[in-house]
């Protein structure tokens, strides 16, 4: 099953994850655990959660060294070596 840390999390399509979970629970109750409808509903929940997670990761702030290396990639601290 799916787990949500931020209940108010919203996917890119503007659908709240909590609403998608509610819909998946309803589909499971109405059509049964192993039904195609329930599987599709839970897949939607998973996709929305993954999307929210990816958006959160892409919005993460860079650390000061990363910012420095973006500005001065030739600096000694920013060099990378191939082994």
PDB file of N, CA and C in Angstrom:
ATOM      1  N   UNK A   1       0.839  -1.185   0.000  1.00  0.00           N
ATOM      2  CA  UNK A   1       0.000   0.000   0.000  1.00  0.00           C
ATOM      3  C   UNK A   1       0.884   1.248   0.000  1.00  0.00           C
ATOM      4  N   UNK A   2       0.288   2.370  -0.199  1.00  0.00           N
ATOM      5  CA  UNK A   2       1.014   3.626  -0.310  1.00  0.00           C
ATOM      6  C   UNK A   2       1.045   4.353   1.029  1.00  0.00           C
ATOM      7  N   UNK A   3       2.106   5.090   1.250  1.00  0.00           N
ATOM      8  CA  UNK A   3       2.243   5.878   2.461  1.00  0.00           C
ATOM      9  C   UNK A   3       2.485   7.323   2.068  1.00  0.00           C
ATOM     10  N   UNK A   4       1.888   8.230   2.805  1.00  0.00           N
ATOM     11  CA  UNK A   4       2.012   9.653   2.500  1.00  0.00           C
ATOM     12  C   UNK A   4       2.542  10.355   3.731  1.00  0.00           C
ATOM     13  N   UNK A   5       3.617  11.116   3.565  1.00  0.00           N
ATOM     14  CA  UNK A   5       4.133  11.868   4.693  1.00  0.00           C
ATOM     15  C   UNK A   5       3.450  13.224   4.780  1.00  0.00           C
ATOM     16  N   UNK A   6       3.207  13.855   3.658  1.00  0.00           N
ATOM     17  CA  UNK A   6       2.512  15.136   3.641  1.00  0.00           C
ATOM     18  C   UNK A   6       1.132  14.945   3.052  1.00  0.00           C
ATOM     19  N   UNK A   7       0.123  14.935   3.883  1.00  0.00           N
ATOM     20  CA  UNK A   7      -1.232  14.648   3.414  1.00  0.00           C
ATOM     21  C   UNK A   7      -1.691  15.688   2.408  1.00  0.00           C
ATOM     22  N   UNK A   8      -1.193  16.897   2.521  1.00  0.00           N
ATOM     23  CA  UNK A   8      -1.621  17.953   1.609  1.00  0.00           C
ATOM     24  C   UNK A   8      -0.768  17.993   0.342  1.00  0.00           C
ATOM     25  N   UNK A   9       0.067  16.984   0.147  1.00  0.00           N
ATOM     26  CA  UNK A   9       0.916  16.961  -1.038  1.00  0.00           C
ATOM     27  C   UNK A   9       0.052  16.913  -2.291  1.00  0.00           C
ATOM     28  N   UNK A  10       0.506  17.628  -3.304  1.00  0.00           N
ATOM     29  CA  UNK A  10      -0.264  17.724  -4.543  1.00  0.00           C
ATOM     30  C   UNK A  10       0.626  17.308  -5.702  1.00  0.00           C
ATOM     31  N   UNK A  11       0.110  16.472  -6.583  1.00  0.00           N
ATOM     32  CA  UNK A  11       0.834  16.060  -7.781  1.00  0.00           C
ATOM     33  C   UNK A  11       0.798  17.160  -8.819  1.00  0.00           C
ATOM     34  N   UNK A  12       1.536  16.985  -9.900  1.00  0.00           N
ATOM     35  CA  UNK A  12       1.615  18.006 -10.950  1.00  0.00           C
ATOM     36  C   UNK A  12       0.271  18.235 -11.625  1.00  0.00           C
ATOM     37  N   UNK A  13      -0.585  17.235 -11.610  1.00  0.00           N
ATOM     38  CA  UNK A  13      -1.896  17.393 -12.238  1.00  0.00           C
ATOM     39  C   UNK A  13      -2.869  18.113 -11.309  1.00  0.00           C
ATOM     40  N   UNK A  14      -2.409  18.567 -10.160  1.00  0.00           N
ATOM     41  CA  UNK A  14      -3.266  19.295  -9.240  1.00  0.00           C
ATOM     42  C   UNK A  14      -4.138  18.396  -8.385  1.00  0.00           C
ATOM     43  N   UNK A  15      -3.885  17.112  -8.408  1.00  0.00           N
ATOM     44  CA  UNK A  15      -4.689  16.174  -7.626  1.00  0.00           C
ATOM     45  C   UNK A  15      -4.011  15.972  -6.279  1.00  0.00           C
ATOM     46  N   UNK A  16      -4.769  16.151  -5.216  1.00  0.00           N
ATOM     47  CA  UNK A  16      -4.207  15.902  -3.898  1.00  0.00           C
ATOM     48  C   UNK A  16      -4.006  14.407  -3.717  1.00  0.00           C
ATOM     49  N   UNK A  17      -2.885  14.060  -3.148  1.00  0.00           N
ATOM     50  CA  UNK A  17      -2.588  12.654  -2.915  1.00  0.00           C
ATOM     51  C   UNK A  17      -3.611  12.050  -1.969  1.00  0.00           C
ATOM     52  N   UNK A  18      -4.046  12.819  -0.983  1.00  0.00           N
ATOM     53  CA  UNK A  18      -5.044  12.296  -0.043  1.00  0.00           C
ATOM     54  C   UNK A  18      -6.351  11.967  -0.761  1.00  0.00           C
ATOM     55  N   UNK A  19      -6.718  12.768  -1.766  1.00  0.00           N
ATOM     56  CA  UNK A  19      -7.926  12.481  -2.551  1.00  0.00           C
ATOM     57  C   UNK A  19      -7.747  11.209  -3.378  1.00  0.00           C
ATOM     58  N   UNK A  20      -6.551  11.025  -3.917  1.00  0.00           N
ATOM     59  CA  UNK A  20      -6.275   9.822  -4.703  1.00  0.00           C
ATOM     60  C   UNK A  20      -6.323   8.580  -3.820  1.00  0.00           C
ATOM     61  N   UNK A  21      -5.828   8.695  -2.595  1.00  0.00           N
ATOM     62  CA  UNK A  21      -5.875   7.566  -1.660  1.00  0.00           C
ATOM     63  C   UNK A  21      -7.316   7.233  -1.321  1.00  0.00           C
ATOM     64  N   UNK A  22      -8.096   8.275  -1.074  1.00  0.00           N
ATOM     65  CA  UNK A  22      -9.512   8.060  -0.768  1.00  0.00           C
ATOM     66  C   UNK A  22     -10.207   7.342  -1.926  1.00  0.00           C
ATOM     67  N   UNK A  23      -9.919   7.768  -3.147  1.00  0.00           N
ATOM     68  CA  UNK A  23     -10.500   7.130  -4.323  1.00  0.00           C
ATOM     69  C   UNK A  23     -10.051   5.680  -4.469  1.00  0.00           C
ATOM     70  N   UNK A  24      -8.786   5.417  -4.157  1.00  0.00           N
ATOM     71  CA  UNK A  24      -8.269   4.049  -4.246  1.00  0.00           C
ATOM     72  C   UNK A  24      -8.915   3.152  -3.194  1.00  0.00           C
ATOM     73  N   UNK A  25      -9.113   3.697  -2.000  1.00  0.00           N
ATOM     74  CA  UNK A  25      -9.783   2.919  -0.950  1.00  0.00           C
ATOM     75  C   UNK A  25     -11.225   2.606  -1.349  1.00  0.00           C
ATOM     76  N   UNK A  26     -11.894   3.581  -1.949  1.00  0.00           N
ATOM     77  CA  UNK A  26     -13.274   3.362  -2.404  1.00  0.00           C
ATOM     78  C   UNK A  26     -13.321   2.307  -3.509  1.00  0.00           C
ATOM     79  N   UNK A  27     -12.374   2.372  -4.442  1.00  0.00           N
ATOM     80  CA  UNK A  27     -12.329   1.383  -5.524  1.00  0.00           C
ATOM     81  C   UNK A  27     -12.063  -0.013  -4.971  1.00  0.00           C
ATOM     82  N   UNK A  28     -11.204  -0.093  -3.960  1.00  0.00           N
ATOM     83  CA  UNK A  28     -10.911  -1.383  -3.343  1.00  0.00           C
ATOM     84  C   UNK A  28     -12.143  -1.937  -2.653  1.00  0.00           C
ATOM     85  N   UNK A  29     -12.868  -1.074  -1.943  1.00  0.00           N
ATOM     86  CA  UNK A  29     -14.088  -1.518  -1.261  1.00  0.00           C
ATOM     87  C   UNK A  29     -15.163  -1.944  -2.253  1.00  0.00           C
ATOM     88  N   UNK A  30     -15.315  -1.178  -3.322  1.00  0.00           N
ATOM     89  CA  UNK A  30     -16.391  -1.422  -4.280  1.00  0.00           C
ATOM     90  C   UNK A  30     -16.114  -2.622  -5.192  1.00  0.00           C
ATOM     91  N   UNK A  31     -14.877  -2.723  -5.700  1.00  0.00           N
ATOM     92  CA  UNK A  31     -14.569  -3.735  -6.707  1.00  0.00           C
ATOM     93  C   UNK A  31     -13.762  -4.917  -6.174  1.00  0.00           C
ATOM     94  N   UNK A  32     -13.204  -4.785  -4.978  1.00  0.00           N
ATOM     95  CA  UNK A  32     -12.406  -5.873  -4.410  1.00  0.00           C
ATOM     96  C   UNK A  32     -10.917  -5.601  -4.511  1.00  0.00           C
ATOM     97  N   UNK A  33     -10.180  -6.247  -3.615  1.00  0.00           N
ATOM     98  CA  UNK A  33      -8.740  -6.032  -3.494  1.00  0.00           C
ATOM     99  C   UNK A  33      -7.966  -6.331  -4.782  1.00  0.00           C
ATOM    100  N   UNK A  34      -8.293  -7.414  -5.446  1.00  0.00           N
ATOM    101  CA  UNK A  34      -7.537  -7.819  -6.625  1.00  0.00           C
ATOM    102  C   UNK A  34      -8.102  -7.326  -7.942  1.00  0.00           C
ATOM    103  N   UNK A  35      -9.037  -6.391  -7.886  1.00  0.00           N
ATOM    104  CA  UNK A  35      -9.685  -5.925  -9.116  1.00  0.00           C
ATOM    105  C   UNK A  35      -8.777  -5.005  -9.924  1.00  0.00           C
ATOM    106  N   UNK A  36      -9.067  -4.926 -11.211  1.00  0.00           N
ATOM    107  CA  UNK A  36      -8.316  -4.050 -12.106  1.00  0.00           C
ATOM    108  C   UNK A  36      -8.515  -2.585 -11.705  1.00  0.00           C
ATOM    109  N   UNK A  37      -9.743  -2.238 -11.315  1.00  0.00           N
ATOM    110  CA  UNK A  37     -10.049  -0.851 -10.933  1.00  0.00           C
ATOM    111  C   UNK A  37      -9.242  -0.426  -9.708  1.00  0.00           C
ATOM    112  N   UNK A  38      -9.153  -1.318  -8.721  1.00  0.00           N
ATOM    113  CA  UNK A  38      -8.383  -1.002  -7.514  1.00  0.00           C
ATOM    114  C   UNK A  38      -6.898  -0.869  -7.844  1.00  0.00           C
ATOM    115  N   UNK A  39      -6.399  -1.760  -8.688  1.00  0.00           N
ATOM    116  CA  UNK A  39      -4.986  -1.706  -9.064  1.00  0.00           C
ATOM    117  C   UNK A  39      -4.654  -0.396  -9.774  1.00  0.00           C
ATOM    118  N   UNK A  40      -5.525   0.025 -10.675  1.00  0.00           N
ATOM    119  CA  UNK A  40      -5.304   1.282 -11.396  1.00  0.00           C
ATOM    120  C   UNK A  40      -5.330   2.461 -10.425  1.00  0.00           C
ATOM    121  N   UNK A  41      -6.273   2.442  -9.490  1.00  0.00           N
ATOM    122  CA  UNK A  41      -6.380   3.537  -8.516  1.00  0.00           C
ATOM    123  C   UNK A  41      -5.131   3.614  -7.641  1.00  0.00           C
ATOM    124  N   UNK A  42      -4.625   2.456  -7.181  1.00  0.00           N
ATOM    125  CA  UNK A  42      -3.424   2.467  -6.343  1.00  0.00           C
ATOM    126  C   UNK A  42      -2.181   2.822  -7.158  1.00  0.00           C
ATOM    127  N   UNK A  43      -2.147   2.457  -8.427  1.00  0.00           N
ATOM    128  CA  UNK A  43      -1.039   2.876  -9.292  1.00  0.00           C
ATOM    129  C   UNK A  43      -1.007   4.392  -9.422  1.00  0.00           C
ATOM    130  N   UNK A  44      -2.181   4.991  -9.513  1.00  0.00           N
ATOM    131  CA  UNK A  44      -2.271   6.448  -9.592  1.00  0.00           C
ATOM    132  C   UNK A  44      -1.710   7.086  -8.328  1.00  0.00           C
ATOM    133  N   UNK A  45      -2.048   6.517  -7.174  1.00  0.00           N
ATOM    134  CA  UNK A  45      -1.521   7.027  -5.901  1.00  0.00           C
ATOM    135  C   UNK A  45       0.005   6.940  -5.910  1.00  0.00           C
ATOM    136  N   UNK A  46       0.544   5.802  -6.322  1.00  0.00           N
ATOM    137  CA  UNK A  46       2.001   5.630  -6.369  1.00  0.00           C
ATOM    138  C   UNK A  46       2.656   6.652  -7.288  1.00  0.00           C
ATOM    139  N   UNK A  47       2.060   6.875  -8.452  1.00  0.00           N
ATOM    140  CA  UNK A  47       2.622   7.833  -9.396  1.00  0.00           C
ATOM    141  C   UNK A  47       2.618   9.247  -8.826  1.00  0.00           C
ATOM    142  N   UNK A  48       1.531   9.625  -8.169  1.00  0.00           N
ATOM    143  CA  UNK A  48       1.457  10.963  -7.575  1.00  0.00           C
ATOM    144  C   UNK A  48       2.482  11.125  -6.462  1.00  0.00           C
ATOM    145  N   UNK A  49       2.645  10.080  -5.637  1.00  0.00           N
ATOM    146  CA  UNK A  49       3.631  10.157  -4.559  1.00  0.00           C
ATOM    147  C   UNK A  49       5.048  10.245  -5.113  1.00  0.00           C
ATOM    148  N   UNK A  50       5.337   9.464  -6.144  1.00  0.00           N
ATOM    149  CA  UNK A  50       6.668   9.508  -6.749  1.00  0.00           C
ATOM    150  C   UNK A  50       6.935  10.881  -7.358  1.00  0.00           C
ATOM    151  N   UNK A  51       5.935  11.419  -8.018  1.00  0.00           N
ATOM    152  CA  UNK A  51       6.062  12.737  -8.631  1.00  0.00           C
ATOM    153  C   UNK A  51       6.316  13.806  -7.571  1.00  0.00           C
ATOM    154  N   UNK A  52       5.575  13.745  -6.471  1.00  0.00           N
ATOM    155  CA  UNK A  52       5.763  14.710  -5.382  1.00  0.00           C
ATOM    156  C   UNK A  52       7.158  14.571  -4.788  1.00  0.00           C
ATOM    157  N   UNK A  53       7.633  13.350  -4.658  1.00  0.00           N
ATOM    158  CA  UNK A  53       8.968  13.110  -4.124  1.00  0.00           C
ATOM    159  C   UNK A  53      10.042  13.673  -5.048  1.00  0.00           C
ATOM    160  N   UNK A  54       9.878  13.462  -6.344  1.00  0.00           N
ATOM    161  CA  UNK A  54      10.845  13.981  -7.311  1.00  0.00           C
ATOM    162  C   UNK A  54      10.847  15.507  -7.327  1.00  0.00           C
ATOM    163  N   UNK A  55       9.677  16.104  -7.213  1.00  0.00           N
ATOM    164  CA  UNK A  55       9.600  17.568  -7.185  1.00  0.00           C
ATOM    165  C   UNK A  55      10.288  18.108  -5.939  1.00  0.00           C
ATOM    166  N   UNK A  56      10.087  17.431  -4.820  1.00  0.00           N
ATOM    167  CA  UNK A  56      10.714  17.860  -3.571  1.00  0.00           C
ATOM    168  C   UNK A  56      12.231  17.760  -3.687  1.00  0.00           C
ATOM    169  N   UNK A  57      12.724  16.680  -4.283  1.00  0.00           N
ATOM    170  CA  UNK A  57      14.163  16.489  -4.441  1.00  0.00           C
ATOM    171  C   UNK A  57      14.757  17.522  -5.395  1.00  0.00           C
ATOM    172  N   UNK A  58      14.041  17.865  -6.447  1.00  0.00           N
ATOM    173  CA  UNK A  58      14.572  18.832  -7.405  1.00  0.00           C
ATOM    174  C   UNK A  58      14.551  20.250  -6.843  1.00  0.00           C
ATOM    175  N   UNK A  59      13.712  20.494  -5.858  1.00  0.00           N
ATOM    176  CA  UNK A  59      13.647  21.815  -5.239  1.00  0.00           C
ATOM    177  C   UNK A  59      14.610  21.946  -4.066  1.00  0.00           C
ATOM    178  N   UNK A  60      15.322  20.869  -3.753  1.00  0.00           N
ATOM    179  CA  UNK A  60      16.245  20.901  -2.622  1.00  0.00           C
ATOM    180  C   UNK A  60      17.351  21.917  -2.893  1.00  0.00           C
ATOM    181  N   UNK A  61      17.737  22.619  -1.840  1.00  0.00           N
ATOM    182  CA  UNK A  61      18.773  23.628  -1.963  1.00  0.00           C
ATOM    183  C   UNK A  61      20.140  22.977  -2.119  1.00  0.00           C
ATOM    184  N   UNK A  62      20.984  23.600  -2.899  1.00  0.00           N
ATOM    185  CA  UNK A  62      22.356  23.123  -3.041  1.00  0.00           C
ATOM    186  C   UNK A  62      23.156  23.534  -1.816  1.00  0.00           C
ATOM    187  N   UNK A  63      24.164  22.721  -1.492  1.00  0.00           N
ATOM    188  CA  UNK A  63      25.027  23.113  -0.385  1.00  0.00           C
ATOM    189  C   UNK A  63      26.005  24.184  -0.883  1.00  0.00           C
ATOM    190  N   UNK A  64      26.660  24.883   0.023  1.00  0.00           N
ATOM    191  CA  UNK A  64      27.534  25.993  -0.378  1.00  0.00           C
ATOM    192  C   UNK A  64      28.651  25.587  -1.345  1.00  0.00           C
ATOM    193  N   UNK A  65      29.210  24.377  -1.186  1.00  0.00           N
ATOM    194  CA  UNK A  65      30.273  23.949  -2.093  1.00  0.00           C
ATOM    195  C   UNK A  65      29.739  23.783  -3.513  1.00  0.00           C
ATOM    196  N   UNK A  66      28.549  23.224  -3.653  1.00  0.00           N
ATOM    197  CA  UNK A  66      27.953  23.074  -4.985  1.00  0.00           C
ATOM    198  C   UNK A  66      27.723  24.432  -5.639  1.00  0.00           C
ATOM    199  N   UNK A  67      27.246  25.391  -4.863  1.00  0.00           N
ATOM    200  CA  UNK A  67      27.028  26.734  -5.403  1.00  0.00           C
ATOM    201  C   UNK A  67      28.351  27.370  -5.826  1.00  0.00           C
ATOM    202  N   UNK A  68      29.386  27.193  -4.983  1.00  0.00           N
ATOM    203  CA  UNK A  68      30.708  27.729  -5.295  1.00  0.00           C
ATOM    204  C   UNK A  68      31.248  27.114  -6.584  1.00  0.00           C
ATOM    205  N   UNK A  69      31.094  25.798  -6.715  1.00  0.00           N
ATOM    206  CA  UNK A  69      31.610  25.103  -7.901  1.00  0.00           C
ATOM    207  C   UNK A  69      30.831  25.466  -9.161  1.00  0.00           C
ATOM    208  N   UNK A  70      29.565  25.808  -9.012  1.00  0.00           N
ATOM    209  CA  UNK A  70      28.809  26.288 -10.167  1.00  0.00           C
ATOM    210  C   UNK A  70      29.388  27.605 -10.671  1.00  0.00           C
ATOM    211  N   UNK A  71      29.824  28.452  -9.725  1.00  0.00           N
ATOM    212  CA  UNK A  71      30.382  29.755 -10.085  1.00  0.00           C
ATOM    213  C   UNK A  71      31.845  29.665 -10.515  1.00  0.00           C
ATOM    214  N   UNK A  72      32.596  28.721  -9.936  1.00  0.00           N
ATOM    215  CA  UNK A  72      34.027  28.610 -10.226  1.00  0.00           C
ATOM    216  C   UNK A  72      34.414  27.146 -10.441  1.00  0.00           C
ATOM    217  N   UNK A  73      34.001  26.555 -11.557  1.00  0.00           N
ATOM    218  CA  UNK A  73      34.261  25.131 -11.771  1.00  0.00           C
ATOM    219  C   UNK A  73      35.746  24.778 -11.896  1.00  0.00           C
ATOM    220  N   UNK A  74      36.588  25.773 -12.180  1.00  0.00           N
ATOM    221  CA  UNK A  74      38.017  25.505 -12.331  1.00  0.00           C
ATOM    222  C   UNK A  74      38.764  25.503 -10.996  1.00  0.00           C
ATOM    223  N   UNK A  75      38.111  25.829  -9.902  1.00  0.00           N
ATOM    224  CA  UNK A  75      38.751  25.867  -8.587  1.00  0.00           C
ATOM    225  C   UNK A  75      39.205  24.470  -8.171  1.00  0.00           C
ATOM    226  N   UNK A  76      40.291  24.416  -7.392  1.00  0.00           N
ATOM    227  CA  UNK A  76      40.836  23.130  -6.943  1.00  0.00           C
ATOM    228  C   UNK A  76      39.801  22.297  -6.194  1.00  0.00           C
ATOM    229  N   UNK A  77      38.976  22.950  -5.389  1.00  0.00           N
ATOM    230  CA  UNK A  77      37.979  22.236  -4.591  1.00  0.00           C
ATOM    231  C   UNK A  77      36.926  21.547  -5.454  1.00  0.00           C
ATOM    232  N   UNK A  78      36.793  21.989  -6.694  1.00  0.00           N
ATOM    233  CA  UNK A  78      35.721  21.504  -7.564  1.00  0.00           C
ATOM    234  C   UNK A  78      36.189  20.483  -8.591  1.00  0.00           C
ATOM    235  N   UNK A  79      37.454  20.162  -8.577  1.00  0.00           N
ATOM    236  CA  UNK A  79      37.975  19.234  -9.578  1.00  0.00           C
ATOM    237  C   UNK A  79      37.507  17.814  -9.297  1.00  0.00           C
ATOM    238  N   UNK A  80      37.245  17.107 -10.359  1.00  0.00           N
ATOM    239  CA  UNK A  80      36.919  15.684 -10.249  1.00  0.00           C
ATOM    240  C   UNK A  80      37.945  14.914 -11.062  1.00  0.00           C
ATOM    241  N   UNK A  81      38.250  13.724 -10.605  1.00  0.00           N
ATOM    242  CA  UNK A  81      39.280  12.919 -11.245  1.00  0.00           C
ATOM    243  C   UNK A  81      38.704  11.593 -11.698  1.00  0.00           C
ATOM    244  N   UNK A  82      39.147  11.145 -12.869  1.00  0.00           N
ATOM    245  CA  UNK A  82      38.754   9.831 -13.373  1.00  0.00           C
ATOM    246  C   UNK A  82      39.802   8.824 -12.928  1.00  0.00           C
ATOM    247  N   UNK A  83      39.354   7.726 -12.413  1.00  0.00           N
ATOM    248  CA  UNK A  83      40.304   6.688 -11.978  1.00  0.00           C
ATOM    249  C   UNK A  83      40.461   5.641 -13.029  1.00  0.00           C
TER     250      UNK A  83
END
